[in-house]
């Protein structure tokens, strides 16, 4: 059954329990297809690397907490927090705005201490990159990255 909201391109909210179940289902499917992303429309895509690192990418930040509990890395541009309580690496919109694209290298390990990252914008020294550090809510420039992301980019691991 479709609702008027779906016809207009918006989706009905998914409950936290439904989100967790869907993410767990994605995790099971990803185990069977290592190296490929499995997606649940309107929620998230989940991939499992050959080294066993679970990555979840999602548009809807409301379920980023559930993703943090089930993944090693969460990419959630709309998440309202910068770090996962579970210890998973969170890449939210603010972090990605400061770094640009990130190339992650797991070095064949599930241990974040062995991971490395290369950022498209790892220094905001150029005048044309400075806008990436501006936080319109606080009306100030903030170029501080979460510690885990900073360590990955600097080469000192997670």
Protein backbone atom coordinates (compact mmCIF):
# COMPACT_ATOMS: atom_id res chain seq x y z
CA UNK A 1 0.00 0.00 0.00
CA UNK A 2 1.37 3.42 -0.88
CA UNK A 3 0.60 6.63 0.90
CA UNK A 4 0.49 10.13 -0.45
CA UNK A 5 3.89 10.79 1.14
CA UNK A 6 5.54 8.04 -0.93
CA UNK A 7 4.09 9.44 -4.13
CA UNK A 8 5.64 12.81 -3.34
CA UNK A 9 9.08 11.28 -2.86
CA UNK A 10 9.14 11.20 0.95
CA UNK A 11 8.96 8.05 3.00
CA UNK A 12 7.21 7.22 6.20
CA UNK A 13 9.43 7.08 9.25
CA UNK A 14 10.86 3.70 10.10
CA UNK A 15 10.87 2.76 13.77
CA UNK A 16 14.14 2.18 15.63
CA UNK A 17 13.27 -1.52 16.01
CA UNK A 18 12.57 -1.87 12.27
CA UNK A 19 15.81 -0.03 11.48
CA UNK A 20 17.87 -2.32 13.70
CA UNK A 21 16.26 -5.44 12.19
CA UNK A 22 16.87 -4.16 8.65
CA UNK A 23 20.52 -3.37 9.42
CA UNK A 24 21.01 -6.80 11.00
CA UNK A 25 19.48 -8.37 7.87
CA UNK A 26 21.86 -6.32 5.70
CA UNK A 27 24.77 -7.56 7.80
CA UNK A 28 23.77 -11.19 7.22
CA UNK A 29 23.43 -10.63 3.47
CA UNK A 30 26.76 -8.79 3.35
CA UNK A 31 28.55 -11.80 4.85
CA UNK A 32 27.49 -13.82 1.80
CA UNK A 33 28.77 -11.16 -0.63
CA UNK A 34 31.98 -9.82 0.87
CA UNK A 35 33.27 -6.76 -0.95
CA UNK A 36 29.84 -5.61 -2.18
CA UNK A 37 27.26 -3.29 -0.66
CA UNK A 38 23.78 -4.54 0.21
CA UNK A 39 21.11 -1.85 0.46
CA UNK A 40 17.75 -1.43 2.17
CA UNK A 41 15.89 1.29 0.31
CA UNK A 42 15.34 4.37 2.43
CA UNK A 43 17.57 3.19 5.27
CA UNK A 44 21.17 2.22 4.59
CA UNK A 45 23.71 0.32 2.57
CA UNK A 46 26.08 -2.09 4.28
CA UNK A 47 29.32 -3.55 3.02
CA UNK A 48 31.77 -6.03 4.47
CA UNK A 49 35.41 -5.70 3.42
CA UNK A 50 37.63 -8.69 2.76
CA UNK A 51 39.38 -7.95 6.05
CA UNK A 52 36.03 -8.12 7.90
CA UNK A 53 35.39 -4.39 8.41
CA UNK A 54 31.67 -3.55 8.34
CA UNK A 55 30.77 -0.21 6.72
CA UNK A 56 27.28 1.29 6.84
CA UNK A 57 26.35 4.31 4.71
CA UNK A 58 23.01 5.98 5.41
CA UNK A 59 21.08 9.08 4.42
CA UNK A 60 18.73 9.12 7.40
CA UNK A 61 20.73 10.11 10.48
CA UNK A 62 17.94 9.14 12.89
CA UNK A 63 19.16 5.56 12.85
CA UNK A 64 22.88 6.25 13.05
CA UNK A 65 22.93 5.02 16.66
CA UNK A 66 21.71 1.57 15.61
CA UNK A 67 24.26 1.57 12.79
CA UNK A 68 27.02 2.44 15.29
CA UNK A 69 26.13 -0.66 17.30
CA UNK A 70 26.38 -2.93 14.26
CA UNK A 71 29.27 -1.54 12.20
CA UNK A 72 32.91 -0.60 12.39
CA UNK A 73 32.43 2.52 10.24
CA UNK A 74 29.25 4.58 9.88
CA UNK A 75 28.89 7.18 7.13
CA UNK A 76 25.85 9.29 8.01
CA UNK A 77 25.87 12.83 6.68
CA UNK A 78 22.71 13.68 8.62
CA UNK A 79 23.84 12.25 11.98
CA UNK A 80 23.76 14.81 14.76
CA UNK A 81 26.70 13.38 16.67
CA UNK A 82 30.37 13.10 15.74
CA UNK A 83 31.37 9.93 17.59
CA UNK A 84 29.72 6.57 18.17
CA UNK A 85 29.39 5.41 21.79
CA UNK A 86 30.22 1.90 20.62
CA UNK A 87 33.64 2.98 19.35
CA UNK A 88 32.71 2.65 15.68
CA UNK A 89 34.18 5.33 13.44
CA UNK A 90 31.54 7.98 12.63
CA UNK A 91 31.84 10.06 9.48
CA UNK A 92 29.05 12.63 9.71
CA UNK A 93 28.37 15.65 7.53
CA UNK A 94 30.52 18.02 9.57
CA UNK A 95 33.51 15.70 9.41
CA UNK A 96 33.09 15.07 5.69
CA UNK A 97 32.70 18.79 5.01
CA UNK A 98 36.10 19.37 6.63
CA UNK A 99 37.92 16.42 5.05
CA UNK A 100 36.19 16.06 1.70
CA UNK A 101 36.28 12.54 0.33
CA UNK A 102 38.19 10.00 2.41
CA UNK A 103 40.12 7.05 1.04
CA UNK A 104 40.24 4.38 3.74
CA UNK A 105 42.88 1.66 3.77
CA UNK A 106 42.21 -1.15 6.24
CA UNK A 107 45.64 -2.73 5.66
CA UNK A 108 44.03 -6.18 5.87
CA UNK A 109 43.02 -5.63 9.50
CA UNK A 110 39.86 -5.17 11.53
CA UNK A 111 41.89 -3.22 14.10
CA UNK A 112 41.42 0.55 13.65
CA UNK A 113 44.98 1.10 14.89
CA UNK A 114 46.17 -0.38 11.57
CA UNK A 115 43.85 1.66 9.35
CA UNK A 116 44.95 4.75 7.45
CA UNK A 117 43.04 7.43 5.58
CA UNK A 118 43.84 10.01 2.94
CA UNK A 119 41.61 13.08 2.90
CA UNK A 120 40.87 15.17 -0.17
CA UNK A 121 41.11 18.27 2.05
CA UNK A 122 43.36 17.49 4.99
CA UNK A 123 44.47 21.07 5.52
CA UNK A 124 42.22 24.09 5.26
CA UNK A 125 45.09 26.45 4.54
CA UNK A 126 43.96 27.51 1.10
CA UNK A 127 41.49 30.41 0.96
CA UNK A 128 39.12 28.44 -1.29
CA UNK A 129 38.87 25.62 1.29
CA UNK A 130 38.34 27.77 4.39
CA UNK A 131 34.54 27.72 4.00
CA UNK A 132 34.59 23.98 4.83
CA UNK A 133 35.36 24.81 8.45
CA UNK A 134 32.57 27.37 8.92
CA UNK A 135 29.78 26.30 11.27
CA UNK A 136 26.75 28.43 10.49
CA UNK A 137 25.03 27.42 13.74
CA UNK A 138 27.76 28.86 15.96
CA UNK A 139 28.79 31.46 13.37
CA UNK A 140 32.46 30.64 13.74
CA UNK A 141 35.17 28.65 12.02
CA UNK A 142 35.85 25.21 13.49
CA UNK A 143 38.42 22.97 11.83
CA UNK A 144 38.72 20.43 14.66
CA UNK A 145 38.20 16.82 13.57
CA UNK A 146 37.10 14.00 15.88
CA UNK A 147 40.21 12.36 17.35
CA UNK A 148 39.69 9.02 15.60
CA UNK A 149 39.48 10.69 12.17
CA UNK A 150 42.45 12.94 12.89
CA UNK A 151 44.58 9.91 13.87
CA UNK A 152 43.62 8.02 10.71
CA UNK A 153 44.55 10.93 8.48
CA UNK A 154 47.79 11.66 10.34
CA UNK A 155 48.84 8.03 9.95
CA UNK A 156 48.87 7.18 13.64
CA UNK A 157 45.89 4.80 13.39
CA UNK A 158 42.53 4.66 15.11
